[in-house]
Amino acid sequence: MENTYILLALVFVVILIISVCYIYQSSKSKKQKSEKIDKEYAEYEKRQRDLEIKERQEKSIRWNENIQEKFDGKIKYKTNRPIKALIGDYTDSMAPYTNSMLRRMGIETEVVPTASDVIDRVNTGNQYDIIITNNVYPKGESGQQVLDTLKEDIDFKIPIVILTVDQNARNIYLDKGFDEYIEKPISEEKIKKIFPELINDLEFIKTKKQ
């Protein structure tokens, strides 16, 4: 009888061990499967983000080419040294106008349609003397986003000018951290007044009429 109890106890212990091992392996398998799914989903999300970034960058290149083609080539001024401006503007009307106005003043330009593009251009090492940004962009982006993101880098020194339809709002935007405010539309007079204040030793020299 005693042997029977011992045998039953051993059987119980074996069953218990097997059960624990099964539960452990099952739990481990579920965890591995969950981790695999999470990893695959993270990789999928990364691929989607990379694809969206690539598509946005390609659109940005095409946007700049399209805007530059609308410039009539008429130069009124030249600068005493090469100056390049990055313009953030997505609108079909104002982007060509702003770009043409700057180019007539002898300033080299690059035009991008989103706040993300402005940030990307700077963070990838492109060199600019000044940044002109819209106040608002599609998909909830803003000029404030451009300002806040770029100025996270303590070594960032490029002046950022907000170009907006907001009237008489200079103090508001300067308080937000922008280096200057220009009310749309930009003009020759505004460029001649504001740009030399932000870009050291900049001079505009009127070209001779042909």
C-alpha atoms as a PDB file:
ATOM      1  CA  MET A   1       0.000   0.000   0.000  1.00  0.00           C
ATOM      2  CA  GLU A   2       2.821   2.342   0.910  1.00  0.00           C
ATOM      3  CA  ASN A   3       4.496   1.601  -2.410  1.00  0.00           C
ATOM      4  CA  THR A   4       1.280   2.523  -4.180  1.00  0.00           C
ATOM      5  CA  TYR A   5       1.199   5.933  -2.464  1.00  0.00           C
ATOM      6  CA  ILE A   6       4.833   6.494  -3.345  1.00  0.00           C
ATOM      7  CA  LEU A   7       4.163   5.580  -6.958  1.00  0.00           C
ATOM      8  CA  LEU A   8       1.155   7.880  -7.124  1.00  0.00           C
ATOM      9  CA  ALA A   9       3.200  10.673  -5.593  1.00  0.00           C
ATOM     10  CA  LEU A  10       5.951  10.173  -8.153  1.00  0.00           C
ATOM     11  CA  VAL A  11       3.388  10.149 -10.958  1.00  0.00           C
ATOM     12  CA  PHE A  12       1.897  13.368  -9.589  1.00  0.00           C
ATOM     13  CA  VAL A  13       5.319  15.002  -9.396  1.00  0.00           C
ATOM     14  CA  VAL A  14       6.118  13.925 -12.953  1.00  0.00           C
ATOM     15  CA  ILE A  15       2.768  15.255 -14.199  1.00  0.00           C
ATOM     16  CA  LEU A  16       3.370  18.490 -12.310  1.00  0.00           C
ATOM     17  CA  ILE A  17       6.844  18.882 -13.810  1.00  0.00           C
ATOM     18  CA  ILE A  18       5.521  18.163 -17.296  1.00  0.00           C
ATOM     19  CA  SER A  19       2.710  20.665 -16.779  1.00  0.00           C
ATOM     20  CA  VAL A  20       5.102  23.351 -15.565  1.00  0.00           C
ATOM     21  CA  CYS A  21       7.425  22.686 -18.499  1.00  0.00           C
ATOM     22  CA  TYR A  22       4.494  22.840 -20.919  1.00  0.00           C
ATOM     23  CA  ILE A  23       3.211  26.084 -19.458  1.00  0.00           C
ATOM     24  CA  TYR A  24       6.722  27.560 -19.543  1.00  0.00           C
ATOM     25  CA  GLN A  25       7.339  26.521 -23.140  1.00  0.00           C
ATOM     26  CA  SER A  26       3.891  27.681 -24.171  1.00  0.00           C
ATOM     27  CA  SER A  27       4.440  31.043 -22.481  1.00  0.00           C
ATOM     28  CA  LYS A  28       7.896  31.320 -24.029  1.00  0.00           C
ATOM     29  CA  SER A  29       6.522  30.467 -27.447  1.00  0.00           C
ATOM     30  CA  LYS A  30       3.753  33.054 -27.120  1.00  0.00           C
ATOM     31  CA  LYS A  31       6.266  35.672 -25.994  1.00  0.00           C
ATOM     32  CA  GLN A  32       8.571  34.880 -28.910  1.00  0.00           C
ATOM     33  CA  LYS A  33       5.640  34.993 -31.312  1.00  0.00           C
ATOM     34  CA  SER A  34       4.503  38.321 -29.832  1.00  0.00           C
ATOM     35  CA  GLU A  35       8.032  39.744 -30.051  1.00  0.00           C
ATOM     36  CA  LYS A  36       8.283  38.557 -33.641  1.00  0.00           C
ATOM     37  CA  ILE A  37       4.974  40.226 -34.511  1.00  0.00           C
ATOM     38  CA  ASP A  38       6.050  43.441 -32.760  1.00  0.00           C
ATOM     39  CA  LYS A  39       9.372  43.388 -34.609  1.00  0.00           C
ATOM     40  CA  GLU A  40       7.713  42.759 -37.973  1.00  0.00           C
ATOM     41  CA  TYR A  41       5.210  45.564 -37.308  1.00  0.00           C
ATOM     42  CA  ALA A  42       7.991  47.962 -36.281  1.00  0.00           C
ATOM     43  CA  GLU A  43       9.894  47.085 -39.455  1.00  0.00           C
ATOM     44  CA  TYR A  44       6.717  47.612 -41.505  1.00  0.00           C
ATOM     45  CA  GLU A  45       6.123  51.002 -39.895  1.00  0.00           C
ATOM     46  CA  LYS A  46       9.743  51.990 -40.561  1.00  0.00           C
ATOM     47  CA  ARG A  47       9.432  50.971 -44.221  1.00  0.00           C
ATOM     48  CA  GLN A  48       6.245  53.027 -44.498  1.00  0.00           C
ATOM     49  CA  ARG A  49       7.882  56.060 -42.867  1.00  0.00           C
ATOM     50  CA  ASP A  50      10.933  55.736 -45.109  1.00  0.00           C
ATOM     51  CA  LEU A  51       8.662  55.479 -48.147  1.00  0.00           C
ATOM     52  CA  GLU A  52       6.676  58.542 -47.090  1.00  0.00           C
ATOM     53  CA  ILE A  53       9.891  60.510 -46.496  1.00  0.00           C
ATOM     54  CA  LYS A  54      11.265  59.464 -49.886  1.00  0.00           C
ATOM     55  CA  GLU A  55       8.030  60.455 -51.636  1.00  0.00           C
ATOM     56  CA  ARG A  56       7.961  63.796 -49.798  1.00  0.00           C
ATOM     57  CA  GLN A  57      11.584  64.513 -50.726  1.00  0.00           C
ATOM     58  CA  GLU A  58      10.941  63.684 -54.377  1.00  0.00           C
ATOM     59  CA  LYS A  59       7.888  65.969 -54.400  1.00  0.00           C
ATOM     60  CA  SER A  60      10.005  68.679 -52.804  1.00  0.00           C
ATOM     61  CA  ILE A  61      12.603  68.466 -55.568  1.00  0.00           C
ATOM     62  CA  ARG A  62       9.894  68.674 -58.228  1.00  0.00           C
ATOM     63  CA  TRP A  63       8.259  71.596 -56.409  1.00  0.00           C
ATOM     64  CA  ASN A  64      11.491  73.596 -56.399  1.00  0.00           C
ATOM     65  CA  GLU A  65      12.078  72.870 -60.088  1.00  0.00           C
ATOM     66  CA  ASN A  66       8.527  73.946 -60.907  1.00  0.00           C
ATOM     67  CA  ILE A  67       8.833  77.211 -58.964  1.00  0.00           C
ATOM     68  CA  GLN A  68      12.250  78.055 -60.413  1.00  0.00           C
ATOM     69  CA  GLU A  69      10.899  77.600 -63.951  1.00  0.00           C
ATOM     70  CA  LYS A  70       8.417  80.412 -63.320  1.00  0.00           C
ATOM     71  CA  PHE A  71      11.143  82.998 -62.728  1.00  0.00           C
ATOM     72  CA  ASP A  72      11.436  85.328 -65.717  1.00  0.00           C
ATOM     73  CA  GLY A  73      15.191  85.822 -65.330  1.00  0.00           C
ATOM     74  CA  LYS A  74      15.059  89.569 -64.791  1.00  0.00           C
ATOM     75  CA  ILE A  75      17.709  90.626 -62.250  1.00  0.00           C
ATOM     76  CA  LYS A  76      17.414  94.114 -60.708  1.00  0.00           C
ATOM     77  CA  TYR A  77      20.144  93.812 -58.091  1.00  0.00           C
ATOM     78  CA  LYS A  78      23.205  91.773 -57.324  1.00  0.00           C
ATOM     79  CA  THR A  79      24.652  91.134 -53.882  1.00  0.00           C
ATOM     80  CA  ASN A  80      28.188  91.940 -52.805  1.00  0.00           C
ATOM     81  CA  ARG A  81      28.680  88.255 -51.989  1.00  0.00           C
ATOM     82  CA  PRO A  82      26.759  85.046 -52.755  1.00  0.00           C
ATOM     83  CA  ILE A  83      23.605  84.734 -50.655  1.00  0.00           C
ATOM     84  CA  LYS A  84      21.288  81.720 -50.576  1.00  0.00           C
ATOM     85  CA  ALA A  85      17.799  81.643 -49.101  1.00  0.00           C
ATOM     86  CA  LEU A  86      15.659  78.635 -48.224  1.00  0.00           C
ATOM     87  CA  ILE A  87      11.971  79.380 -48.763  1.00  0.00           C
ATOM     88  CA  GLY A  88       9.223  77.279 -47.191  1.00  0.00           C
ATOM     89  CA  ASP A  89       5.992  77.831 -49.116  1.00  0.00           C
ATOM     90  CA  TYR A  90       3.453  75.381 -50.530  1.00  0.00           C
ATOM     91  CA  THR A  91       1.109  77.789 -52.338  1.00  0.00           C
ATOM     92  CA  ASP A  92       0.884  78.016 -56.128  1.00  0.00           C
ATOM     93  CA  SER A  93       0.482  81.779 -56.015  1.00  0.00           C
ATOM     94  CA  MET A  94       2.811  83.160 -53.339  1.00  0.00           C
ATOM     95  CA  ALA A  95       5.696  80.680 -53.675  1.00  0.00           C
ATOM     96  CA  PRO A  96       6.582  81.756 -57.255  1.00  0.00           C
ATOM     97  CA  TYR A  97       6.098  85.411 -56.317  1.00  0.00           C
ATOM     98  CA  THR A  98       8.350  85.250 -53.247  1.00  0.00           C
ATOM     99  CA  ASN A  99      10.949  83.252 -55.125  1.00  0.00           C
ATOM    100  CA  SER A 100      10.995  85.632 -58.090  1.00  0.00           C
ATOM    101  CA  MET A 101      11.225  88.653 -55.805  1.00  0.00           C
ATOM    102  CA  LEU A 102      14.299  87.248 -54.054  1.00  0.00           C
ATOM    103  CA  ARG A 103      15.958  86.162 -57.267  1.00  0.00           C
ATOM    104  CA  ARG A 104      15.449  89.601 -58.784  1.00  0.00           C
ATOM    105  CA  MET A 105      17.411  90.885 -55.799  1.00  0.00           C
ATOM    106  CA  GLY A 106      20.344  88.641 -56.763  1.00  0.00           C
ATOM    107  CA  ILE A 107      19.666  85.992 -54.090  1.00  0.00           C
ATOM    108  CA  GLU A 108      19.994  82.295 -54.892  1.00  0.00           C
ATOM    109  CA  THR A 109      16.956  80.363 -53.693  1.00  0.00           C
ATOM    110  CA  GLU A 110      15.591  76.925 -52.951  1.00  0.00           C
ATOM    111  CA  VAL A 111      11.850  76.479 -52.408  1.00  0.00           C
ATOM    112  CA  VAL A 112      10.297  73.599 -50.448  1.00  0.00           C
ATOM    113  CA  PRO A 113       6.599  72.939 -49.730  1.00  0.00           C
ATOM    114  CA  THR A 114       6.596  71.621 -46.143  1.00  0.00           C
ATOM    115  CA  ALA A 115       8.031  72.431 -42.727  1.00  0.00           C
ATOM    116  CA  SER A 116       9.597  68.956 -42.694  1.00  0.00           C
ATOM    117  CA  ASP A 117      11.449  69.767 -45.914  1.00  0.00           C
ATOM    118  CA  VAL A 118      12.838  72.986 -44.440  1.00  0.00           C
ATOM    119  CA  ILE A 119      14.111  71.043 -41.425  1.00  0.00           C
ATOM    120  CA  ASP A 120      15.518  68.240 -43.598  1.00  0.00           C
ATOM    121  CA  ARG A 121      17.411  70.634 -45.857  1.00  0.00           C
ATOM    122  CA  VAL A 122      19.206  72.186 -42.900  1.00  0.00           C
ATOM    123  CA  ASN A 123      19.806  68.951 -41.000  1.00  0.00           C
ATOM    124  CA  THR A 124      21.359  67.263 -44.040  1.00  0.00           C
ATOM    125  CA  GLY A 125      24.063  69.918 -44.183  1.00  0.00           C
ATOM    126  CA  ASN A 126      22.828  72.317 -46.863  1.00  0.00           C
ATOM    127  CA  GLN A 127      24.130  75.837 -46.338  1.00  0.00           C
ATOM    128  CA  TYR A 128      21.833  78.868 -46.281  1.00  0.00           C
ATOM    129  CA  ASP A 129      22.209  82.482 -45.226  1.00  0.00           C
ATOM    130  CA  ILE A 130      18.540  82.968 -44.345  1.00  0.00           C
ATOM    131  CA  ILE A 131      15.329  80.945 -44.019  1.00  0.00           C
ATOM    132  CA  ILE A 132      11.931  82.332 -45.033  1.00  0.00           C
ATOM    133  CA  THR A 133       9.077  80.226 -43.706  1.00  0.00           C
ATOM    134  CA  ASN A 134       5.316  80.272 -44.014  1.00  0.00           C
ATOM    135  CA  ASN A 135       3.351  80.570 -40.807  1.00  0.00           C
ATOM    136  CA  VAL A 136       1.184  77.538 -41.659  1.00  0.00           C
ATOM    137  CA  TYR A 137       1.628  74.444 -43.825  1.00  0.00           C
ATOM    138  CA  PRO A 138      -0.640  71.499 -44.726  1.00  0.00           C
ATOM    139  CA  LYS A 139      -1.092  68.535 -42.363  1.00  0.00           C
ATOM    140  CA  GLY A 140      -0.762  70.667 -39.256  1.00  0.00           C
ATOM    141  CA  GLU A 141       2.838  71.747 -39.826  1.00  0.00           C
ATOM    142  CA  SER A 142       3.862  75.293 -39.001  1.00  0.00           C
ATOM    143  CA  GLY A 143       6.598  77.877 -39.093  1.00  0.00           C
ATOM    144  CA  GLN A 144       6.801  77.548 -35.323  1.00  0.00           C
ATOM    145  CA  GLN A 145       7.689  73.876 -35.807  1.00  0.00           C
ATOM    146  CA  VAL A 146      10.523  74.909 -38.111  1.00  0.00           C
ATOM    147  CA  LEU A 147      11.796  77.416 -35.570  1.00  0.00           C
ATOM    148  CA  ASP A 148      11.532  75.176 -32.508  1.00  0.00           C
ATOM    149  CA  THR A 149      13.087  72.140 -34.192  1.00  0.00           C
ATOM    150  CA  LEU A 150      16.055  73.912 -35.761  1.00  0.00           C
ATOM    151  CA  LYS A 151      16.843  75.964 -32.665  1.00  0.00           C
ATOM    152  CA  GLU A 152      17.113  72.815 -30.556  1.00  0.00           C
ATOM    153  CA  ASP A 153      20.683  72.818 -31.917  1.00  0.00           C
ATOM    154  CA  ILE A 154      22.551  75.391 -29.836  1.00  0.00           C
ATOM    155  CA  ASP A 155      24.976  75.934 -32.744  1.00  0.00           C
ATOM    156  CA  PHE A 156      22.190  76.848 -35.173  1.00  0.00           C
ATOM    157  CA  LYS A 157      22.759  80.427 -36.363  1.00  0.00           C
ATOM    158  CA  ILE A 158      20.710  80.882 -39.554  1.00  0.00           C
ATOM    159  CA  PRO A 159      18.166  83.702 -39.190  1.00  0.00           C
ATOM    160  CA  ILE A 160      14.552  82.556 -39.584  1.00  0.00           C
ATOM    161  CA  VAL A 161      11.995  85.022 -40.940  1.00  0.00           C
ATOM    162  CA  ILE A 162       8.261  84.357 -40.702  1.00  0.00           C
ATOM    163  CA  LEU A 163       6.337  85.339 -43.854  1.00  0.00           C
ATOM    164  CA  THR A 164       2.638  85.600 -43.052  1.00  0.00           C
ATOM    165  CA  VAL A 165      -0.654  87.321 -43.844  1.00  0.00           C
ATOM    166  CA  ASP A 166      -0.994  88.298 -40.174  1.00  0.00           C
ATOM    167  CA  GLN A 167      -1.016  92.068 -40.023  1.00  0.00           C
ATOM    168  CA  ASN A 168       0.869  94.223 -37.533  1.00  0.00           C
ATOM    169  CA  ALA A 169       2.140  91.129 -35.727  1.00  0.00           C
ATOM    170  CA  ARG A 170       5.887  91.755 -35.615  1.00  0.00           C
ATOM    171  CA  ASN A 171       6.166  91.808 -31.817  1.00  0.00           C
ATOM    172  CA  ILE A 172       4.094  88.636 -31.524  1.00  0.00           C
ATOM    173  CA  TYR A 173       6.424  86.671 -33.780  1.00  0.00           C
ATOM    174  CA  LEU A 174       9.611  88.135 -32.366  1.00  0.00           C
ATOM    175  CA  ASP A 175       8.388  87.060 -28.921  1.00  0.00           C
ATOM    176  CA  LYS A 176       7.943  83.547 -30.318  1.00  0.00           C
ATOM    177  CA  GLY A 177      11.627  83.492 -31.272  1.00  0.00           C
ATOM    178  CA  PHE A 178      11.646  84.418 -34.947  1.00  0.00           C
ATOM    179  CA  ASP A 179      14.449  86.706 -36.059  1.00  0.00           C
ATOM    180  CA  GLU A 180      12.134  88.890 -38.115  1.00  0.00           C
ATOM    181  CA  TYR A 181       8.595  89.182 -39.426  1.00  0.00           C
ATOM    182  CA  ILE A 182       7.464  90.069 -42.960  1.00  0.00           C
ATOM    183  CA  GLU A 183       3.848  90.653 -43.811  1.00  0.00           C
ATOM    184  CA  LYS A 184       2.837  89.150 -47.165  1.00  0.00           C
ATOM    185  CA  PRO A 185       3.477  89.988 -49.889  1.00  0.00           C
ATOM    186  CA  ILE A 186       7.247  90.333 -49.701  1.00  0.00           C
ATOM    187  CA  SER A 187       8.633  93.321 -51.590  1.00  0.00           C
ATOM    188  CA  GLU A 188      11.872  94.834 -52.802  1.00  0.00           C
ATOM    189  CA  GLU A 189      11.694  97.456 -50.057  1.00  0.00           C
ATOM    190  CA  LYS A 190      11.186  94.871 -47.322  1.00  0.00           C
ATOM    191  CA  ILE A 191      14.100  92.776 -48.573  1.00  0.00           C
ATOM    192  CA  LYS A 192      16.430  95.771 -48.787  1.00  0.00           C
ATOM    193  CA  LYS A 193      15.490  96.839 -45.268  1.00  0.00           C
ATOM    194  CA  ILE A 194      15.385  93.501 -43.407  1.00  0.00           C
ATOM    195  CA  PHE A 195      17.955  91.233 -45.050  1.00  0.00           C
ATOM    196  CA  PRO A 196      21.033  93.402 -44.344  1.00  0.00           C
ATOM    197  CA  GLU A 197      19.940  93.563 -40.698  1.00  0.00           C
ATOM    198  CA  LEU A 198      20.064  89.753 -40.493  1.00  0.00           C
ATOM    199  CA  ILE A 199      22.968  88.944 -42.834  1.00  0.00           C
ATOM    200  CA  ASN A 200      26.278  90.535 -41.916  1.00  0.00           C
ATOM    201  CA  ASP A 201      27.789  92.985 -44.433  1.00  0.00           C
ATOM    202  CA  LEU A 202      25.114  92.289 -47.048  1.00  0.00           C
ATOM    203  CA  GLU A 203      24.746  94.944 -49.731  1.00  0.00           C
ATOM    204  CA  PHE A 204      22.427  95.158 -52.717  1.00  0.00           C
ATOM    205  CA  ILE A 205      23.926  96.706 -55.835  1.00  0.00           C
ATOM    206  CA  LYS A 206      21.586  97.852 -58.568  1.00  0.00           C
ATOM    207  CA  THR A 207      22.447  96.334 -61.925  1.00  0.00           C
ATOM    208  CA  LYS A 208      22.989  98.494 -64.969  1.00  0.00           C
ATOM    209  CA  LYS A 209      20.125  98.531 -67.437  1.00  0.00           C
ATOM    210  CA  GLN A 210      20.945  96.633 -70.609  1.00  0.00           C
END
